[in-house]
Amino acid sequence: MNRWRIPARLEEEVKERDKTCVYCGVRMIERMPPRGFRKAMATWEHIINDASIVSRENIARCCVACNSSKGTKKLPDWIQSS
């Protein structure tokens, strides 16, 4: 189980499924290269902002840029925002 309480089996399944950001489609990287752009780093995302909902439908991987932009906003509100 990782620090977001995602069981190892689900973590591996989602990592295998989400190679690109679920929101913008950018190809994500797992580790920060010495001179790389942080915004393409893979992060864990709770589609519904509730850490207690740990399911393959609610857990996804997205890039740092999208994750920080979305923050705690509800998905429909974030998608409609500029």
PDB file of N, CA and C in Angstrom:
ATOM      1  N   MET A   1       0.855  -1.177   0.000  1.00  0.00           N
ATOM      2  CA  MET A   1       0.000   0.000   0.000  1.00  0.00           C
ATOM      3  C   MET A   1       0.902   1.241   0.000  1.00  0.00           C
ATOM      4  N   ASN A   2       0.588   2.196  -0.893  1.00  0.00           N
ATOM      5  CA  ASN A   2       1.408   3.402  -0.938  1.00  0.00           C
ATOM      6  C   ASN A   2       0.880   4.455   0.041  1.00  0.00           C
ATOM      7  N   ARG A   3       1.480   5.619   0.046  1.00  0.00           N
ATOM      8  CA  ARG A   3       1.097   6.641   1.039  1.00  0.00           C
ATOM      9  C   ARG A   3      -0.298   7.212   0.814  1.00  0.00           C
ATOM     10  N   TRP A   4      -0.889   6.963  -0.348  1.00  0.00           N
ATOM     11  CA  TRP A   4      -2.267   7.383  -0.619  1.00  0.00           C
ATOM     12  C   TRP A   4      -3.248   6.252  -0.333  1.00  0.00           C
ATOM     13  N   ARG A   5      -2.746   5.202   0.296  1.00  0.00           N
ATOM     14  CA  ARG A   5      -3.541   4.029   0.676  1.00  0.00           C
ATOM     15  C   ARG A   5      -4.097   3.268  -0.523  1.00  0.00           C
ATOM     16  N   ILE A   6      -3.327   3.288  -1.601  1.00  0.00           N
ATOM     17  CA  ILE A   6      -3.679   2.514  -2.788  1.00  0.00           C
ATOM     18  C   ILE A   6      -2.950   1.177  -2.681  1.00  0.00           C
ATOM     19  N   PRO A   7      -3.687   0.073  -2.655  1.00  0.00           N
ATOM     20  CA  PRO A   7      -3.048  -1.239  -2.543  1.00  0.00           C
ATOM     21  C   PRO A   7      -2.098  -1.485  -3.725  1.00  0.00           C
ATOM     22  N   ALA A   8      -1.031  -2.220  -3.460  1.00  0.00           N
ATOM     23  CA  ALA A   8       0.011  -2.466  -4.457  1.00  0.00           C
ATOM     24  C   ALA A   8      -0.558  -3.033  -5.760  1.00  0.00           C
ATOM     25  N   ARG A   9      -1.476  -3.960  -5.667  1.00  0.00           N
ATOM     26  CA  ARG A   9      -2.050  -4.571  -6.878  1.00  0.00           C
ATOM     27  C   ARG A   9      -2.785  -3.536  -7.732  1.00  0.00           C
ATOM     28  N   LEU A  10      -3.569  -2.675  -7.095  1.00  0.00           N
ATOM     29  CA  LEU A  10      -4.289  -1.632  -7.817  1.00  0.00           C
ATOM     30  C   LEU A  10      -3.307  -0.589  -8.366  1.00  0.00           C
ATOM     31  N   GLU A  11      -2.289  -0.265  -7.589  1.00  0.00           N
ATOM     32  CA  GLU A  11      -1.267   0.686  -8.040  1.00  0.00           C
ATOM     33  C   GLU A  11      -0.622   0.198  -9.335  1.00  0.00           C
ATOM     34  N   GLU A  12      -0.223  -1.058  -9.368  1.00  0.00           N
ATOM     35  CA  GLU A  12       0.404  -1.622 -10.572  1.00  0.00           C
ATOM     36  C   GLU A  12      -0.567  -1.639 -11.745  1.00  0.00           C
ATOM     37  N   GLU A  13      -1.812  -2.000 -11.499  1.00  0.00           N
ATOM     38  CA  GLU A  13      -2.831  -2.034 -12.551  1.00  0.00           C
ATOM     39  C   GLU A  13      -3.029  -0.650 -13.168  1.00  0.00           C
ATOM     40  N   VAL A  14      -3.119   0.377 -12.325  1.00  0.00           N
ATOM     41  CA  VAL A  14      -3.348   1.730 -12.819  1.00  0.00           C
ATOM     42  C   VAL A  14      -2.104   2.257 -13.539  1.00  0.00           C
ATOM     43  N   LYS A  15      -0.921   1.960 -13.025  1.00  0.00           N
ATOM     44  CA  LYS A  15       0.314   2.371 -13.701  1.00  0.00           C
ATOM     45  C   LYS A  15       0.402   1.757 -15.092  1.00  0.00           C
ATOM     46  N   GLU A  16      -0.011   0.522 -15.213  1.00  0.00           N
ATOM     47  CA  GLU A  16      -0.002  -0.156 -16.515  1.00  0.00           C
ATOM     48  C   GLU A  16      -1.046   0.449 -17.452  1.00  0.00           C
ATOM     49  N   ARG A  17      -2.182   0.827 -16.923  1.00  0.00           N
ATOM     50  CA  ARG A  17      -3.277   1.383 -17.717  1.00  0.00           C
ATOM     51  C   ARG A  17      -3.012   2.825 -18.144  1.00  0.00           C
ATOM     52  N   ASP A  18      -2.529   3.647 -17.230  1.00  0.00           N
ATOM     53  CA  ASP A  18      -2.411   5.091 -17.466  1.00  0.00           C
ATOM     54  C   ASP A  18      -0.965   5.500 -17.754  1.00  0.00           C
ATOM     55  N   LYS A  19      -0.535   5.286 -18.978  1.00  0.00           N
ATOM     56  CA  LYS A  19       0.815   5.694 -19.403  1.00  0.00           C
ATOM     57  C   LYS A  19       0.832   7.163 -19.825  1.00  0.00           C
ATOM     58  N   THR A  20      -0.337   7.660 -20.223  1.00  0.00           N
ATOM     59  CA  THR A  20      -0.475   9.069 -20.566  1.00  0.00           C
ATOM     60  C   THR A  20      -1.460   9.704 -19.596  1.00  0.00           C
ATOM     61  N   CYS A  21      -1.381  11.006 -19.441  1.00  0.00           N
ATOM     62  CA  CYS A  21      -2.261  11.736 -18.536  1.00  0.00           C
ATOM     63  C   CYS A  21      -3.717  11.506 -18.936  1.00  0.00           C
ATOM     64  N   VAL A  22      -4.545  11.138 -17.978  1.00  0.00           N
ATOM     65  CA  VAL A  22      -5.954  10.870 -18.276  1.00  0.00           C
ATOM     66  C   VAL A  22      -6.700  12.131 -18.700  1.00  0.00           C
ATOM     67  N   TYR A  23      -6.135  13.297 -18.449  1.00  0.00           N
ATOM     68  CA  TYR A  23      -6.796  14.547 -18.805  1.00  0.00           C
ATOM     69  C   TYR A  23      -6.271  15.157 -20.109  1.00  0.00           C
ATOM     70  N   CYS A  24      -4.971  15.341 -20.220  1.00  0.00           N
ATOM     71  CA  CYS A  24      -4.436  16.048 -21.396  1.00  0.00           C
ATOM     72  C   CYS A  24      -3.745  15.133 -22.402  1.00  0.00           C
ATOM     73  N   GLY A  25      -3.460  13.888 -22.009  1.00  0.00           N
ATOM     74  CA  GLY A  25      -2.873  12.926 -22.931  1.00  0.00           C
ATOM     75  C   GLY A  25      -1.366  12.983 -23.071  1.00  0.00           C
ATOM     76  N   VAL A  26      -0.687  13.837 -22.321  1.00  0.00           N
ATOM     77  CA  VAL A  26       0.772  13.908 -22.408  1.00  0.00           C
ATOM     78  C   VAL A  26       1.383  12.595 -21.918  1.00  0.00           C
ATOM     79  N   ARG A  27       2.434  12.139 -22.574  1.00  0.00           N
ATOM     80  CA  ARG A  27       3.165  10.937 -22.141  1.00  0.00           C
ATOM     81  C   ARG A  27       3.883  11.292 -20.844  1.00  0.00           C
ATOM     82  N   MET A  28       3.616  10.551 -19.790  1.00  0.00           N
ATOM     83  CA  MET A  28       4.158  10.888 -18.473  1.00  0.00           C
ATOM     84  C   MET A  28       5.469  10.158 -18.203  1.00  0.00           C
ATOM     85  N   ILE A  29       6.244  10.737 -17.305  1.00  0.00           N
ATOM     86  CA  ILE A  29       7.486  10.124 -16.842  1.00  0.00           C
ATOM     87  C   ILE A  29       7.331   9.803 -15.361  1.00  0.00           C
ATOM     88  N   GLU A  30       8.041   8.768 -14.918  1.00  0.00           N
ATOM     89  CA  GLU A  30       7.945   8.345 -13.520  1.00  0.00           C
ATOM     90  C   GLU A  30       8.898   9.094 -12.602  1.00  0.00           C
ATOM     91  N   ARG A  31      10.067   9.461 -13.135  1.00  0.00           N
ATOM     92  CA  ARG A  31      11.067  10.133 -12.312  1.00  0.00           C
ATOM     93  C   ARG A  31      11.523  11.419 -12.995  1.00  0.00           C
ATOM     94  N   MET A  32      11.853  12.386 -12.181  1.00  0.00           N
ATOM     95  CA  MET A  32      12.301  13.675 -12.686  1.00  0.00           C
ATOM     96  C   MET A  32      13.709  13.544 -13.259  1.00  0.00           C
ATOM     97  N   PRO A  33      13.878  13.805 -14.567  1.00  0.00           N
ATOM     98  CA  PRO A  33      15.230  13.786 -15.127  1.00  0.00           C
ATOM     99  C   PRO A  33      16.010  15.000 -14.634  1.00  0.00           C
ATOM    100  N   PRO A  34      17.349  14.934 -14.667  1.00  0.00           N
ATOM    101  CA  PRO A  34      18.157  16.042 -14.140  1.00  0.00           C
ATOM    102  C   PRO A  34      17.778  17.412 -14.709  1.00  0.00           C
ATOM    103  N   ARG A  35      17.441  17.467 -15.983  1.00  0.00           N
ATOM    104  CA  ARG A  35      17.097  18.758 -16.590  1.00  0.00           C
ATOM    105  C   ARG A  35      15.730  18.705 -17.267  1.00  0.00           C
ATOM    106  N   GLY A  36      14.861  17.923 -16.691  1.00  0.00           N
ATOM    107  CA  GLY A  36      13.556  17.726 -17.310  1.00  0.00           C
ATOM    108  C   GLY A  36      12.501  18.690 -16.818  1.00  0.00           C
ATOM    109  N   PHE A  37      11.355  18.585 -17.456  1.00  0.00           N
ATOM    110  CA  PHE A  37      10.210  19.398 -17.072  1.00  0.00           C
ATOM    111  C   PHE A  37       9.353  18.624 -16.089  1.00  0.00           C
ATOM    112  N   ARG A  38       9.138  19.194 -14.934  1.00  0.00           N
ATOM    113  CA  ARG A  38       8.357  18.553 -13.876  1.00  0.00           C
ATOM    114  C   ARG A  38       6.905  18.333 -14.292  1.00  0.00           C
ATOM    115  N   LYS A  39       6.375  19.168 -15.186  1.00  0.00           N
ATOM    116  CA  LYS A  39       4.955  19.094 -15.501  1.00  0.00           C
ATOM    117  C   LYS A  39       4.543  17.773 -16.147  1.00  0.00           C
ATOM    118  N   ALA A  40       5.476  16.993 -16.674  1.00  0.00           N
ATOM    119  CA  ALA A  40       5.151  15.693 -17.280  1.00  0.00           C
ATOM    120  C   ALA A  40       5.281  14.536 -16.288  1.00  0.00           C
ATOM    121  N   MET A  41       5.620  14.838 -15.045  1.00  0.00           N
ATOM    122  CA  MET A  41       5.740  13.791 -14.025  1.00  0.00           C
ATOM    123  C   MET A  41       4.377  13.172 -13.746  1.00  0.00           C
ATOM    124  N   ALA A  42       4.351  11.864 -13.577  1.00  0.00           N
ATOM    125  CA  ALA A  42       3.109  11.154 -13.256  1.00  0.00           C
ATOM    126  C   ALA A  42       2.754  11.360 -11.786  1.00  0.00           C
ATOM    127  N   THR A  43       1.476  11.623 -11.531  1.00  0.00           N
ATOM    128  CA  THR A  43       0.980  11.779 -10.164  1.00  0.00           C
ATOM    129  C   THR A  43      -0.280  10.934 -10.006  1.00  0.00           C
ATOM    130  N   TRP A  44      -0.631  10.674  -8.768  1.00  0.00           N
ATOM    131  CA  TRP A  44      -1.859   9.943  -8.470  1.00  0.00           C
ATOM    132  C   TRP A  44      -3.012  10.923  -8.390  1.00  0.00           C
ATOM    133  N   GLU A  45      -4.137  10.514  -8.929  1.00  0.00           N
ATOM    134  CA  GLU A  45      -5.313  11.366  -8.964  1.00  0.00           C
ATOM    135  C   GLU A  45      -6.531  10.613  -8.471  1.00  0.00           C
ATOM    136  N   HIS A  46      -7.282  11.250  -7.595  1.00  0.00           N
ATOM    137  CA  HIS A  46      -8.604  10.756  -7.207  1.00  0.00           C
ATOM    138  C   HIS A  46      -9.589  11.557  -8.045  1.00  0.00           C
ATOM    139  N   ILE A  47     -10.247  10.926  -8.985  1.00  0.00           N
ATOM    140  CA  ILE A  47     -11.172  11.616  -9.876  1.00  0.00           C
ATOM    141  C   ILE A  47     -12.214  12.368  -9.046  1.00  0.00           C
ATOM    142  N   ILE A  48     -12.825  11.667  -8.111  1.00  0.00           N
ATOM    143  CA  ILE A  48     -13.676  12.314  -7.109  1.00  0.00           C
ATOM    144  C   ILE A  48     -12.743  12.597  -5.938  1.00  0.00           C
ATOM    145  N   ASN A  49     -12.629  13.852  -5.551  1.00  0.00           N
ATOM    146  CA  ASN A  49     -11.656  14.245  -4.520  1.00  0.00           C
ATOM    147  C   ASN A  49     -12.035  13.717  -3.149  1.00  0.00           C
ATOM    148  N   ASP A  50     -11.917  12.417  -3.004  1.00  0.00           N
ATOM    149  CA  ASP A  50     -12.204  11.762  -1.729  1.00  0.00           C
ATOM    150  C   ASP A  50     -11.225  10.601  -1.606  1.00  0.00           C
ATOM    151  N   ALA A  51     -10.220  10.780  -0.766  1.00  0.00           N
ATOM    152  CA  ALA A  51      -9.165   9.776  -0.630  1.00  0.00           C
ATOM    153  C   ALA A  51      -9.672   8.446  -0.101  1.00  0.00           C
ATOM    154  N   SER A  52     -10.891   8.421   0.429  1.00  0.00           N
ATOM    155  CA  SER A  52     -11.425   7.153   0.929  1.00  0.00           C
ATOM    156  C   SER A  52     -11.992   6.290  -0.195  1.00  0.00           C
ATOM    157  N   ILE A  53     -12.171   6.863  -1.393  1.00  0.00           N
ATOM    158  CA  ILE A  53     -12.669   6.093  -2.535  1.00  0.00           C
ATOM    159  C   ILE A  53     -11.466   5.571  -3.310  1.00  0.00           C
ATOM    160  N   VAL A  54     -11.091   4.342  -3.011  1.00  0.00           N
ATOM    161  CA  VAL A  54      -9.922   3.723  -3.631  1.00  0.00           C
ATOM    162  C   VAL A  54     -10.403   2.582  -4.513  1.00  0.00           C
ATOM    163  N   SER A  55     -10.675   2.926  -5.776  1.00  0.00           N
ATOM    164  CA  SER A  55     -11.141   1.939  -6.737  1.00  0.00           C
ATOM    165  C   SER A  55     -10.519   2.246  -8.090  1.00  0.00           C
ATOM    166  N   ARG A  56     -10.531   1.256  -8.991  1.00  0.00           N
ATOM    167  CA  ARG A  56      -9.944   1.483 -10.316  1.00  0.00           C
ATOM    168  C   ARG A  56     -10.692   2.566 -11.081  1.00  0.00           C
ATOM    169  N   GLU A  57     -11.960   2.811 -10.733  1.00  0.00           N
ATOM    170  CA  GLU A  57     -12.733   3.859 -11.389  1.00  0.00           C
ATOM    171  C   GLU A  57     -12.386   5.257 -10.868  1.00  0.00           C
ATOM    172  N   ASN A  58     -11.915   5.352  -9.625  1.00  0.00           N
ATOM    173  CA  ASN A  58     -11.628   6.654  -9.038  1.00  0.00           C
ATOM    174  C   ASN A  58     -10.140   6.986  -8.991  1.00  0.00           C
ATOM    175  N   ILE A  59      -9.284   5.999  -9.129  1.00  0.00           N
ATOM    176  CA  ILE A  59      -7.844   6.232  -9.080  1.00  0.00           C
ATOM    177  C   ILE A  59      -7.316   6.271 -10.512  1.00  0.00           C
ATOM    178  N   ALA A  60      -6.553   7.304 -10.812  1.00  0.00           N
ATOM    179  CA  ALA A  60      -5.975   7.448 -12.145  1.00  0.00           C
ATOM    180  C   ALA A  60      -4.604   8.096 -12.011  1.00  0.00           C
ATOM    181  N   ARG A  61      -3.920   8.179 -13.133  1.00  0.00           N
ATOM    182  CA  ARG A  61      -2.627   8.869 -13.172  1.00  0.00           C
ATOM    183  C   ARG A  61      -2.789  10.068 -14.098  1.00  0.00           C
ATOM    184  N   CYS A  62      -2.276  11.189 -13.649  1.00  0.00           N
ATOM    185  CA  CYS A  62      -2.290  12.377 -14.490  1.00  0.00           C
ATOM    186  C   CYS A  62      -0.978  13.127 -14.280  1.00  0.00           C
ATOM    187  N   CYS A  63      -0.699  14.059 -15.168  1.00  0.00           N
ATOM    188  CA  CYS A  63       0.543  14.819 -15.079  1.00  0.00           C
ATOM    189  C   CYS A  63       0.455  15.862 -13.959  1.00  0.00           C
ATOM    190  N   VAL A  64       1.602  16.312 -13.511  1.00  0.00           N
ATOM    191  CA  VAL A  64       1.668  17.322 -12.451  1.00  0.00           C
ATOM    192  C   VAL A  64       0.904  18.575 -12.851  1.00  0.00           C
ATOM    193  N   ALA A  65       1.032  18.978 -14.113  1.00  0.00           N
ATOM    194  CA  ALA A  65       0.360  20.200 -14.559  1.00  0.00           C
ATOM    195  C   ALA A  65      -1.156  20.099 -14.382  1.00  0.00           C
ATOM    196  N   CYS A  66      -1.742  19.000 -14.831  1.00  0.00           N
ATOM    197  CA  CYS A  66      -3.200  18.831 -14.685  1.00  0.00           C
ATOM    198  C   CYS A  66      -3.593  18.661 -13.227  1.00  0.00           C
ATOM    199  N   ASN A  67      -2.824  17.883 -12.471  1.00  0.00           N
ATOM    200  CA  ASN A  67      -3.161  17.638 -11.074  1.00  0.00           C
ATOM    201  C   ASN A  67      -3.137  18.932 -10.269  1.00  0.00           C
ATOM    202  N   SER A  68      -2.129  19.763 -10.486  1.00  0.00           N
ATOM    203  CA  SER A  68      -2.065  21.014  -9.725  1.00  0.00           C
ATOM    204  C   SER A  68      -3.125  21.998 -10.207  1.00  0.00           C
ATOM    205  N   SER A  69      -3.459  21.961 -11.493  1.00  0.00           N
ATOM    206  CA  SER A  69      -4.514  22.829 -12.014  1.00  0.00           C
ATOM    207  C   SER A  69      -5.878  22.437 -11.444  1.00  0.00           C
ATOM    208  N   LYS A  70      -6.134  21.129 -11.394  1.00  0.00           N
ATOM    209  CA  LYS A  70      -7.426  20.652 -10.886  1.00  0.00           C
ATOM    210  C   LYS A  70      -7.532  20.886  -9.384  1.00  0.00           C
ATOM    211  N   GLY A  71      -6.466  20.614  -8.667  1.00  0.00           N
ATOM    212  CA  GLY A  71      -6.478  20.811  -7.219  1.00  0.00           C
ATOM    213  C   GLY A  71      -7.629  20.082  -6.564  1.00  0.00           C
ATOM    214  N   THR A  72      -8.421  20.795  -5.782  1.00  0.00           N
ATOM    215  CA  THR A  72      -9.557  20.189  -5.077  1.00  0.00           C
ATOM    216  C   THR A  72     -10.890  20.448  -5.781  1.00  0.00           C
ATOM    217  N   LYS A  73     -10.812  20.988  -6.994  1.00  0.00           N
ATOM    218  CA  LYS A  73     -12.052  21.256  -7.736  1.00  0.00           C
ATOM    219  C   LYS A  73     -12.745  19.953  -8.121  1.00  0.00           C
ATOM    220  N   LYS A  74     -14.036  19.989  -8.233  1.00  0.00           N
ATOM    221  CA  LYS A  74     -14.785  18.854  -8.762  1.00  0.00           C
ATOM    222  C   LYS A  74     -14.495  18.781 -10.256  1.00  0.00           C
ATOM    223  N   LEU A  75     -14.425  17.571 -10.796  1.00  0.00           N
ATOM    224  CA  LEU A  75     -14.051  17.365 -12.188  1.00  0.00           C
ATOM    225  C   LEU A  75     -14.874  18.203 -13.167  1.00  0.00           C
ATOM    226  N   PRO A  76     -16.215  18.204 -13.082  1.00  0.00           N
ATOM    227  CA  PRO A  76     -16.982  19.019 -14.043  1.00  0.00           C
ATOM    228  C   PRO A  76     -16.659  20.515 -13.954  1.00  0.00           C
ATOM    229  N   ASP A  77     -16.456  21.008 -12.733  1.00  0.00           N
ATOM    230  CA  ASP A  77     -16.121  22.427 -12.562  1.00  0.00           C
ATOM    231  C   ASP A  77     -14.764  22.738 -13.169  1.00  0.00           C
ATOM    232  N   TRP A  78     -13.788  21.853 -12.957  1.00  0.00           N
ATOM    233  CA  TRP A  78     -12.441  22.055 -13.489  1.00  0.00           C
ATOM    234  C   TRP A  78     -12.447  22.015 -15.018  1.00  0.00           C
ATOM    235  N   ILE A  79     -13.143  21.053 -15.597  1.00  0.00           N
ATOM    236  CA  ILE A  79     -13.172  20.920 -17.053  1.00  0.00           C
ATOM    237  C   ILE A  79     -13.788  22.170 -17.688  1.00  0.00           C
ATOM    238  N   GLN A  80     -14.772  22.755 -17.050  1.00  0.00           N
ATOM    239  CA  GLN A  80     -15.433  23.946 -17.591  1.00  0.00           C
ATOM    240  C   GLN A  80     -14.674  25.230 -17.315  1.00  0.00           C
ATOM    241  N   SER A  81     -13.669  25.170 -16.458  1.00  0.00           N
ATOM    242  CA  SER A  81     -12.919  26.380 -16.113  1.00  0.00           C
ATOM    243  C   SER A  81     -11.878  26.680 -17.195  1.00  0.00           C
ATOM    244  N   SER A  82     -11.357  27.891 -17.156  1.00  0.00           N
ATOM    245  CA  SER A  82     -10.319  28.251 -18.118  1.00  0.00           C
ATOM    246  C   SER A  82      -8.979  27.920 -17.525  1.00  0.00           C
TER     247      SER A  82
END
